[in-house]
Amino acid sequence: MGAALIGACIALGLGIVVGNAGAKAKRARLDYVRTKALVPSARKNAVAEGLKGLRIIATCAAVLIALGLAMNVIGQR
């Protein structure tokens, strides 16, 4: 009877450990699937924001170059 009780306690302990590991694996898989679904939209937003920033930089550079050329023309008169 003592050996059966010890075996039952070991089986119970292993069952708890394996059950917790299975639950962690299911949660990790669910997190992975959710994150993977968000990546394309996040990448699209990042590219759009980067292009918006480049557009602002290009506009500022064009304005500064135009002002520089205008000042050069005014200075030559």
Protein backbone atom coordinates (compact mmCIF):
# COMPACT_ATOMS: atom_id res chain seq x y z
CA MET A 1 0.00 0.00 0.00
CA GLY A 2 2.86 2.38 0.80
CA ALA A 3 4.45 1.85 -2.64
CA ALA A 4 1.15 2.54 -4.38
CA LEU A 5 0.69 5.75 -2.38
CA ILE A 6 4.20 6.90 -3.24
CA GLY A 7 3.60 6.05 -6.92
CA ALA A 8 0.30 7.94 -6.89
CA CYS A 9 1.99 11.02 -5.35
CA ILE A 10 4.77 10.92 -7.95
CA ALA A 11 2.21 10.54 -10.75
CA LEU A 12 0.19 13.44 -9.34
CA GLY A 13 3.30 15.63 -9.14
CA LEU A 14 4.35 14.76 -12.68
CA GLY A 15 0.80 15.38 -13.90
CA ILE A 16 0.80 18.85 -12.38
CA VAL A 17 4.20 19.67 -13.94
CA VAL A 18 3.20 18.35 -17.37
CA GLY A 19 -0.18 20.11 -17.18
CA ASN A 20 1.45 23.44 -16.34
CA ALA A 21 3.94 22.98 -19.17
CA GLY A 22 1.10 22.23 -21.59
CA ALA A 23 -0.82 25.31 -20.47
CA LYS A 24 2.28 27.48 -20.92
CA ALA A 25 2.82 26.03 -24.39
CA LYS A 26 -0.79 26.77 -25.39
CA ARG A 27 -0.53 30.37 -24.12
CA ALA A 28 2.80 30.83 -25.91
CA ARG A 29 1.33 29.50 -29.15
CA LEU A 30 -1.67 31.80 -28.86
CA ASP A 31 0.60 34.80 -28.20
CA TYR A 32 2.75 33.83 -31.19
CA VAL A 33 -0.27 33.59 -33.51
CA ARG A 34 -1.65 36.94 -32.31
CA THR A 35 1.72 38.68 -32.69
CA LYS A 36 2.30 37.14 -36.11
CA ALA A 37 -1.07 38.51 -37.25
CA LEU A 38 -0.10 42.03 -36.13
CA VAL A 39 3.29 42.12 -37.91
CA PRO A 40 2.12 42.96 -41.47
CA SER A 41 0.02 45.92 -40.33
CA ALA A 42 2.81 47.14 -38.04
CA ARG A 43 5.30 46.89 -40.89
CA LYS A 44 2.92 48.77 -43.20
CA ASN A 45 2.51 51.54 -40.59
CA ALA A 46 6.27 51.78 -40.08
CA VAL A 47 6.91 52.18 -43.81
CA ALA A 48 4.16 54.79 -44.09
CA GLU A 49 5.58 56.80 -41.18
CA GLY A 50 9.08 56.57 -42.62
CA LEU A 51 7.91 57.85 -45.99
CA LYS A 52 6.04 60.67 -44.27
CA GLY A 53 9.24 61.68 -42.49
CA LEU A 54 11.24 61.55 -45.72
CA ARG A 55 8.63 63.73 -47.42
CA ILE A 56 8.96 66.34 -44.65
CA ILE A 57 12.76 66.27 -44.85
CA ALA A 58 12.68 66.61 -48.66
CA THR A 59 10.24 69.53 -48.43
CA CYS A 60 12.41 71.33 -45.88
CA ALA A 61 15.51 70.74 -47.99
CA ALA A 62 13.77 72.08 -51.10
CA VAL A 63 12.63 75.20 -49.25
CA LEU A 64 16.11 75.83 -47.86
CA ILE A 65 17.71 75.35 -51.26
CA ALA A 66 15.17 77.69 -52.87
CA LEU A 67 15.81 80.29 -50.17
CA GLY A 68 19.55 79.94 -50.68
CA LEU A 69 19.21 80.41 -54.42
CA ALA A 70 16.89 83.38 -53.93
CA MET A 71 19.34 85.01 -51.51
CA ASN A 72 22.14 84.42 -54.01
CA VAL A 73 20.14 86.07 -56.79
CA ILE A 74 19.23 89.01 -54.52
CA GLY A 75 22.87 89.38 -53.46
CA GLN A 76 24.04 89.58 -57.08
CA ARG A 77 21.80 92.56 -57.89
